[in-house]
Amino acid sequence: MNFRKKASALALCAVLLGTTVAPVSAATHEKLVGKDRYETAAMIADKMGDYETAILVNSDKSLSDGLSASSLSGKENAPILLAKQNKLPEATAKRLEQVKKVYIIGGEKAIGKEVESKLAGKEIVRIEGKDRIDTSKRVAELLGDYKKAFVVNGIKGEADAMSVAAVAAREKAPIILTNGKTISDVKKDAYHYVIGGPEIISYEIDIYLDEHLDKVNGEAIFDTIGAENRYGTNDMILRKFYPRTSKLYFTEGTKLVDALTVAPLAKNNGVVFVSEKSDKEFLKDRSTLVQVGGVKDSIIKEIFKGETTEDKSSLRIEHDGVAIPVGEMIGPATFDAVATDIDGTDISHKVQMVGVNPKVPGDYNGKLVVELSNGKKLEKNIFVEVFATEE
């Protein structure tokens, strides 16, 4: 049996898609770049909004353990923050102030008692296995009845594992670490994705899954996604799980920690690994590209070559208050609303009025709202007096 036939089909699809000619687009360049990895992770946490739970990882000593944390971050809507063994960086400590529950990934050699003591008053859950493989199994157990899982080489396949971190967060699917040669105790009714080429993860794992997973139409419920290097595998994953996204996050493919910490924020969009030599075709024709962590200027220039990075969006109104008799038709045109998208395209027809009921007399503090192609919204406050007319 050719266990990698599905991967070949995916690779062909990637080639065909990669040759599609797309028009030059306007891409908004956003940044999540702190002075160091700790501040970058903290900035990502800020973008996630309100959260009561956080996950703490030592990126120096337990990054491999942290790989399995991405699925937990999706389940708990929890940011992944970074600590040192015996120190809680200021940026991290600030984001933990209002948190009620903290998952610590790894043992005391990764994050020690000194750090834990600074979390007094919070619920602490330490996830520690005898090794990184066992830790990933413990995280999978916490997830409960999951329907998908990602199988990776936890010894030398960290980059491939990082490529699925965002997907794992979205699907609340565990990343199962292996030694690249064997696997056991799989959840037989969960669809498994084997991540990495045959030089990273052995065909023996395919054989095991074929024998132990449930079958549909005679075939075991697993798939393989892998290329000759981390950038190729990353590209295949993006085309598989994020084919139509208008927003992408990107980070240097050698700085895996940034790909991990942004996973819960980027779960609905995907994370692209870039380098000076990597293929950047998948980044083209997107509305928003978000840089995570430091990226070389030469790479940035290549990514945005031919792109219009200036944001030309606007929402203008000639006046912000009107008085109308009850029942009179009213809408954005009443305020002479004009809106443009990020590339300067007129989208005045997309402007909507909210918070006003012209059928009921009263004073209304409403809004005119328009959504841009990159998902952002522009708003203008308006005042409408709806007055009753004499019979």
Protein backbone atom coordinates (compact mmCIF):
# COMPACT_ATOMS: atom_id res chain seq x y z
CA MET A 1 0.00 0.00 0.00
CA ASN A 2 1.27 3.49 -0.87
CA PHE A 3 0.70 5.31 2.41
CA ARG A 4 1.97 8.63 1.09
CA LYS A 5 -0.31 8.82 -1.95
CA LYS A 6 -2.45 11.52 -0.32
CA ALA A 7 0.60 13.66 0.32
CA SER A 8 1.54 13.41 -3.35
CA ALA A 9 -1.93 14.59 -4.33
CA LEU A 10 -1.61 17.53 -1.99
CA ALA A 11 1.78 18.40 -3.43
CA LEU A 12 0.34 18.40 -6.96
CA CYS A 13 -2.50 20.63 -5.79
CA ALA A 14 0.03 23.03 -4.28
CA VAL A 15 1.92 23.23 -7.56
CA LEU A 16 -1.27 23.95 -9.52
CA LEU A 17 -2.43 26.58 -7.06
CA GLY A 18 1.02 28.14 -6.97
CA THR A 19 0.88 28.85 -10.69
CA THR A 20 -2.38 30.81 -10.47
CA VAL A 21 -1.91 34.38 -11.69
CA ALA A 22 -3.45 36.88 -9.29
CA PRO A 23 -3.71 40.64 -9.66
CA VAL A 24 -1.55 42.92 -7.54
CA SER A 25 -3.44 43.68 -4.33
CA ALA A 26 -3.33 46.12 -1.47
CA ALA A 27 -1.96 44.43 1.62
CA THR A 28 -2.02 46.02 5.06
CA HIS A 29 1.21 45.32 6.93
CA GLU A 30 0.56 44.92 10.65
CA LYS A 31 3.19 44.07 13.26
CA LEU A 32 3.37 42.17 16.52
CA VAL A 33 6.99 42.81 17.36
CA GLY A 34 8.22 43.29 20.92
CA LYS A 35 11.72 44.05 22.13
CA ASP A 36 12.14 40.31 22.82
CA ARG A 37 10.17 37.05 22.63
CA TYR A 38 8.53 37.68 26.01
CA GLU A 39 7.12 41.05 24.99
CA THR A 40 6.02 39.71 21.60
CA ALA A 41 4.07 36.94 23.34
CA ALA A 42 2.54 39.53 25.67
CA MET A 43 1.48 41.70 22.72
CA ILE A 44 -0.19 38.68 21.17
CA ALA A 45 -2.06 38.06 24.43
CA ASP A 46 -3.33 41.65 24.35
CA LYS A 47 -4.76 41.05 20.89
CA MET A 48 -6.72 38.05 22.17
CA GLY A 49 -8.90 40.28 24.34
CA ASP A 50 -10.32 39.07 27.65
CA TYR A 51 -9.07 35.77 29.03
CA GLU A 52 -9.12 34.13 32.45
CA THR A 53 -6.69 31.31 31.71
CA ALA A 54 -3.09 31.39 30.45
CA ILE A 55 -0.46 28.83 29.50
CA LEU A 56 3.12 29.26 30.67
CA VAL A 57 6.05 27.81 28.71
CA ASN A 58 9.82 28.09 29.04
CA SER A 59 10.91 28.65 25.45
CA ASP A 60 14.56 27.99 26.29
CA LYS A 61 14.17 24.60 27.98
CA SER A 62 10.73 23.20 27.17
CA LEU A 63 9.75 24.47 23.74
CA SER A 64 9.11 20.88 22.67
CA ASP A 65 6.74 20.48 25.60
CA GLY A 66 5.16 23.74 24.55
CA LEU A 67 4.33 22.32 21.13
CA SER A 68 1.50 20.34 22.64
CA ALA A 69 0.16 23.43 24.41
CA SER A 70 -1.33 24.98 21.27
CA SER A 71 -4.31 22.65 21.25
CA LEU A 72 -4.94 23.43 24.92
CA SER A 73 -4.78 27.16 24.17
CA GLY A 74 -7.56 26.72 21.64
CA LYS A 75 -9.74 24.77 24.06
CA GLU A 76 -9.25 27.25 26.91
CA ASN A 77 -9.03 30.45 24.79
CA ALA A 78 -5.76 31.01 26.61
CA PRO A 79 -2.68 32.90 25.43
CA ILE A 80 0.69 31.16 25.52
CA LEU A 81 3.08 33.28 27.59
CA LEU A 82 6.77 32.76 28.19
CA ALA A 83 8.80 32.44 31.38
CA LYS A 84 12.33 31.60 32.41
CA GLN A 85 13.13 28.79 34.82
CA ASN A 86 13.40 31.03 37.86
CA LYS A 87 12.11 34.35 36.60
CA LEU A 88 8.84 35.78 35.39
CA PRO A 89 9.58 38.55 32.87
CA GLU A 90 7.77 41.81 33.52
CA ALA A 91 5.76 41.63 30.29
CA THR A 92 4.52 38.14 31.22
CA ALA A 93 3.78 39.01 34.84
CA LYS A 94 1.61 41.95 33.79
CA ARG A 95 -0.55 39.73 31.55
CA LEU A 96 -1.03 37.24 34.37
CA GLU A 97 -2.34 39.76 36.91
CA GLN A 98 -6.04 39.20 36.20
CA VAL A 99 -5.76 35.53 35.23
CA LYS A 100 -7.51 32.99 37.46
CA LYS A 101 -5.94 29.79 36.12
CA VAL A 102 -2.45 29.02 34.81
CA TYR A 103 -1.27 25.87 33.07
CA ILE A 104 2.47 25.35 33.54
CA ILE A 105 3.99 23.17 30.84
CA GLY A 106 6.91 21.05 32.03
CA GLY A 107 8.57 20.22 35.33
CA GLU A 108 10.56 22.37 37.73
CA LYS A 109 13.64 22.21 35.50
CA ALA A 110 11.60 24.18 32.97
CA ILE A 111 9.61 26.46 35.28
CA GLY A 112 10.62 26.32 38.91
CA LYS A 113 8.92 26.88 42.24
CA GLU A 114 10.21 30.46 42.37
CA VAL A 115 8.07 31.37 39.38
CA GLU A 116 5.13 29.34 40.66
CA SER A 117 5.26 31.21 43.97
CA LYS A 118 4.60 34.47 42.12
CA LEU A 119 1.26 33.06 40.98
CA ALA A 120 -0.17 32.77 44.48
CA GLY A 121 -3.95 32.88 44.59
CA LYS A 122 -4.39 31.43 41.13
CA GLU A 123 -5.33 27.88 40.21
CA ILE A 124 -2.14 26.17 39.02
CA VAL A 125 -2.18 23.09 36.80
CA ARG A 126 1.26 21.71 36.00
CA ILE A 127 1.42 19.34 33.03
CA GLU A 128 4.54 17.23 33.27
CA GLY A 129 5.32 13.89 31.68
CA LYS A 130 8.42 11.76 32.00
CA ASP A 131 9.50 13.25 28.64
CA ARG A 132 8.12 15.46 25.85
CA ILE A 133 6.29 12.53 24.25
CA ASP A 134 4.56 11.67 27.51
CA THR A 135 3.71 15.33 28.10
CA SER A 136 1.91 15.49 24.76
CA LYS A 137 -0.17 12.47 25.75
CA ARG A 138 -1.14 14.15 29.01
CA VAL A 139 -2.32 17.23 27.12
CA ALA A 140 -4.33 15.01 24.79
CA GLU A 141 -6.03 13.46 27.80
CA LEU A 142 -7.01 16.93 29.04
CA LEU A 143 -8.64 17.70 25.70
CA GLY A 144 -11.07 14.83 26.11
CA ASP A 145 -13.14 13.62 23.16
CA TYR A 146 -11.21 15.17 20.28
CA LYS A 147 -12.01 14.35 16.64
CA LYS A 148 -8.67 15.19 15.02
CA ALA A 149 -5.02 14.75 15.98
CA PHE A 150 -1.64 15.68 14.52
CA VAL A 151 1.26 13.22 14.69
CA VAL A 152 4.77 14.72 14.58
CA ASN A 153 8.38 13.82 15.24
CA GLY A 154 9.01 15.41 18.63
CA ILE A 155 12.77 14.89 18.43
CA LYS A 156 13.70 16.52 15.12
CA GLY A 157 10.36 17.63 13.67
CA GLU A 158 9.72 20.70 15.81
CA ALA A 159 9.38 23.00 12.80
CA ASP A 160 6.77 20.77 11.18
CA ALA A 161 4.90 20.61 14.46
CA MET A 162 4.89 24.41 14.70
CA SER A 163 3.26 24.56 11.27
CA VAL A 164 0.16 22.88 12.66
CA ALA A 165 0.11 24.74 15.99
CA ALA A 166 -2.50 27.25 14.78
CA VAL A 167 -4.61 24.50 13.22
CA ALA A 168 -4.42 22.49 16.44
CA ALA A 169 -5.64 25.53 18.37
CA ARG A 170 -8.56 25.99 15.99
CA GLU A 171 -9.56 22.32 15.96
CA LYS A 172 -8.77 21.75 19.66
CA ALA A 173 -6.80 18.81 18.33
CA PRO A 174 -3.77 17.40 20.17
CA ILE A 175 -0.29 17.41 18.69
CA ILE A 176 1.00 13.92 19.44
CA LEU A 177 4.77 13.86 19.75
CA THR A 178 6.61 10.69 18.75
CA ASN A 179 10.20 9.58 18.29
CA GLY A 180 9.55 9.58 14.55
CA LYS A 181 9.50 5.79 14.38
CA THR A 182 6.77 4.42 16.63
CA ILE A 183 3.39 5.39 18.05
CA SER A 184 0.93 3.66 20.34
CA ASP A 185 -2.42 4.05 22.10
CA VAL A 186 -4.05 6.15 19.40
CA LYS A 187 -7.67 7.29 19.69
CA LYS A 188 -9.06 5.08 16.96
CA ASP A 189 -12.04 7.24 16.00
CA ALA A 190 -10.00 10.46 15.62
CA TYR A 191 -8.76 11.50 12.17
CA HIS A 192 -4.95 11.63 12.35
CA TYR A 193 -2.66 13.80 10.24
CA VAL A 194 0.96 12.63 9.99
CA ILE A 195 3.10 15.77 9.60
CA GLY A 196 6.50 15.64 7.92
CA GLY A 197 8.23 13.90 5.05
CA PRO A 198 9.48 10.29 5.21
CA GLU A 199 12.93 11.44 6.34
CA ILE A 200 11.33 13.03 9.40
CA ILE A 201 8.62 10.55 10.27
CA SER A 202 8.78 6.85 9.38
CA TYR A 203 6.37 4.86 7.20
CA GLU A 204 6.09 2.55 10.20
CA ILE A 205 3.77 5.10 11.79
CA ASP A 206 1.58 5.04 8.66
CA ILE A 207 1.42 1.26 8.92
CA TYR A 208 0.46 1.38 12.59
CA LEU A 209 -2.30 3.93 11.95
CA ASP A 210 -3.60 1.89 9.02
CA GLU A 211 -3.95 -1.09 11.32
CA HIS A 212 -5.36 0.63 14.41
CA LEU A 213 -7.62 3.47 13.26
CA ASP A 214 -11.25 3.18 12.24
CA LYS A 215 -11.86 2.83 8.51
CA VAL A 216 -14.19 4.65 6.14
CA ASN A 217 -14.86 3.01 2.77
CA GLY A 218 -12.08 0.56 3.57
CA GLU A 219 -9.41 3.19 4.30
CA ALA A 220 -8.08 4.17 7.72
CA ILE A 221 -8.93 7.70 8.78
CA PHE A 222 -5.52 9.33 8.48
CA ASP A 223 -3.63 11.51 6.05
CA THR A 224 -0.01 12.49 5.50
CA ILE A 225 1.27 16.01 4.86
CA GLY A 226 4.96 16.51 4.31
CA ALA A 227 7.53 18.02 1.96
CA GLU A 228 11.32 18.06 1.71
CA ASN A 229 11.75 20.92 4.21
CA ARG A 230 9.86 22.95 6.82
CA TYR A 231 8.81 25.61 4.32
CA GLY A 232 7.33 23.12 1.90
CA THR A 233 5.44 21.34 4.67
CA ASN A 234 4.22 24.67 6.01
CA ASP A 235 2.94 25.63 2.55
CA MET A 236 1.05 22.34 2.20
CA ILE A 237 -0.57 22.79 5.61
CA LEU A 238 -1.70 26.30 4.76
CA ARG A 239 -3.22 25.20 1.46
CA LYS A 240 -4.96 22.32 3.21
CA PHE A 241 -6.41 24.17 6.19
CA TYR A 242 -6.50 27.87 5.18
CA PRO A 243 -7.17 27.94 1.42
CA ARG A 244 -9.35 31.07 1.36
CA THR A 245 -8.11 33.22 4.22
CA SER A 246 -7.75 36.95 3.53
CA LYS A 247 -5.45 37.44 6.52
CA LEU A 248 -2.18 35.68 7.29
CA TYR A 249 0.43 35.86 10.02
CA PHE A 250 4.06 35.35 9.07
CA THR A 251 7.26 34.76 11.01
CA GLU A 252 10.81 33.69 10.28
CA GLY A 253 10.92 29.92 9.96
CA THR A 254 13.91 29.66 12.28
CA LYS A 255 12.17 31.46 15.18
CA LEU A 256 9.75 28.75 16.18
CA VAL A 257 8.78 30.32 19.49
CA ASP A 258 6.91 33.14 17.73
CA ALA A 259 4.93 30.59 15.70
CA LEU A 260 3.95 28.91 18.97
CA THR A 261 2.85 31.99 20.88
CA VAL A 262 0.81 33.37 17.97
CA ALA A 263 -1.00 30.05 17.39
CA PRO A 264 -4.14 30.85 19.45
CA LEU A 265 -4.48 34.29 17.84
CA ALA A 266 -3.82 33.01 14.31
CA LYS A 267 -5.96 29.88 14.59
CA ASN A 268 -8.52 31.09 12.04
CA ASN A 269 -5.95 32.47 9.59
CA GLY A 270 -2.73 30.46 9.62
CA VAL A 271 0.98 31.18 10.08
CA VAL A 272 3.44 31.32 7.18
CA PHE A 273 7.11 30.46 7.70
CA VAL A 274 9.41 32.71 5.69
CA SER A 275 13.10 32.91 4.91
CA GLU A 276 15.17 34.60 2.22
CA LYS A 277 14.86 31.51 0.01
CA SER A 278 11.34 30.32 0.85
CA ASP A 279 8.47 30.44 -1.65
CA LYS A 280 6.19 33.35 -0.69
CA GLU A 281 3.45 32.79 -3.25
CA PHE A 282 0.84 31.92 -0.62
CA LEU A 283 1.23 35.39 0.90
CA LYS A 284 0.15 37.10 -2.30
CA ASP A 285 -3.29 38.62 -2.83
CA ARG A 286 -4.15 38.88 0.87
CA SER A 287 -5.80 41.86 2.56
CA THR A 288 -3.73 41.77 5.76
CA LEU A 289 -0.29 40.34 6.51
CA VAL A 290 0.71 40.35 10.17
CA GLN A 291 4.40 40.17 11.01
CA VAL A 292 5.14 38.25 14.23
CA GLY A 293 8.53 38.91 15.78
CA GLY A 294 11.57 40.28 14.03
CA VAL A 295 11.90 39.52 10.31
CA LYS A 296 14.84 40.56 8.13
CA ASP A 297 14.26 43.69 6.05
CA SER A 298 15.21 41.84 2.87
CA ILE A 299 12.43 39.31 3.50
CA ILE A 300 9.89 42.05 4.24
CA LYS A 301 10.76 43.81 0.98
CA GLU A 302 10.30 40.62 -0.99
CA ILE A 303 6.96 39.85 0.65
CA PHE A 304 5.53 43.27 -0.09
CA LYS A 305 7.13 43.69 -3.51
CA GLY A 306 4.42 44.91 -5.87
CA GLU A 307 1.97 45.34 -3.00
CA THR A 308 0.36 48.61 -1.99
CA THR A 309 0.90 48.71 1.74
CA GLU A 310 -0.66 52.12 2.34
CA ASP A 311 -4.04 51.85 4.07
CA LYS A 312 -6.41 54.13 2.15
CA SER A 313 -9.56 53.20 4.07
CA SER A 314 -11.89 55.93 5.27
CA LEU A 315 -15.46 56.66 6.36
CA ARG A 316 -16.65 60.25 5.95
CA ILE A 317 -19.99 61.92 6.67
CA GLU A 318 -21.06 65.48 5.89
CA HIS A 319 -23.16 65.86 9.06
CA ASP A 320 -23.76 63.72 12.12
CA GLY A 321 -27.23 64.74 13.26
CA VAL A 322 -30.70 64.90 11.72
CA ALA A 323 -34.31 65.26 12.81
CA ILE A 324 -36.96 63.32 10.91
CA PRO A 325 -40.68 62.65 11.30
CA VAL A 326 -41.62 59.17 12.46
CA GLY A 327 -41.79 56.68 9.62
CA GLU A 328 -39.55 58.61 7.21
CA MET A 329 -36.98 56.55 5.33
CA ILE A 330 -33.45 57.11 6.58
CA GLY A 331 -30.09 55.52 5.91
CA PRO A 332 -26.37 56.22 5.33
CA ALA A 333 -27.22 58.42 2.35
CA THR A 334 -29.06 60.76 4.72
CA PHE A 335 -25.67 61.65 6.20
CA ASP A 336 -23.91 61.72 2.82
CA ALA A 337 -21.71 58.83 3.95
CA VAL A 338 -18.73 57.95 1.72
CA ALA A 339 -16.46 54.96 2.46
CA THR A 340 -13.32 53.56 0.84
CA ASP A 341 -11.60 50.21 1.35
CA ILE A 342 -7.91 49.77 2.22
CA ASP A 343 -6.96 49.94 -1.46
CA GLY A 344 -9.06 53.06 -2.10
CA THR A 345 -12.04 51.24 -3.65
CA ASP A 346 -15.40 52.95 -3.07
CA ILE A 347 -17.50 50.80 -0.70
CA SER A 348 -20.09 53.41 0.24
CA HIS A 349 -22.82 50.90 -0.66
CA LYS A 350 -21.65 48.69 2.22
CA VAL A 351 -22.19 51.31 4.93
CA GLN A 352 -24.89 50.31 7.42
CA MET A 353 -26.81 52.27 10.04
CA VAL A 354 -27.31 50.70 13.46
CA GLY A 355 -29.03 51.79 16.66
CA VAL A 356 -31.83 53.84 15.05
CA ASN A 357 -35.51 52.92 14.65
CA PRO A 358 -37.27 55.53 12.48
CA LYS A 359 -40.66 53.94 13.22
CA VAL A 360 -40.54 54.82 16.92
CA PRO A 361 -40.30 58.43 18.19
CA GLY A 362 -37.27 59.24 20.34
CA ASP A 363 -33.66 60.38 20.43
CA TYR A 364 -31.13 57.87 19.10
CA ASN A 365 -27.35 57.79 19.46
CA GLY A 366 -26.60 55.49 16.56
CA LYS A 367 -23.68 54.60 14.34
CA LEU A 368 -22.73 54.25 10.71
CA VAL A 369 -20.55 51.15 10.25
CA VAL A 370 -18.63 49.70 7.33
CA GLU A 371 -16.53 46.50 7.29
CA LEU A 372 -13.30 46.53 5.27
CA SER A 373 -11.92 43.67 3.21
CA ASN A 374 -9.39 42.88 5.94
CA GLY A 375 -12.12 42.43 8.54
CA LYS A 376 -11.65 45.76 10.29
CA LYS A 377 -14.63 48.03 10.89
CA LEU A 378 -14.86 51.81 10.64
CA GLU A 379 -17.53 53.65 12.63
CA LYS A 380 -19.02 57.15 12.87
CA ASN A 381 -21.36 58.26 15.65
CA ILE A 382 -24.64 59.85 14.60
CA PHE A 383 -27.62 61.44 16.37
CA VAL A 384 -31.15 61.06 15.09
CA GLU A 385 -34.25 62.70 16.53
CA VAL A 386 -37.42 60.88 15.41
CA PHE A 387 -40.38 63.10 16.21
CA ALA A 388 -44.08 62.38 16.14
CA THR A 389 -46.20 64.33 13.68
CA GLU A 390 -49.56 65.84 14.46
CA GLU A 391 -52.59 63.99 13.10
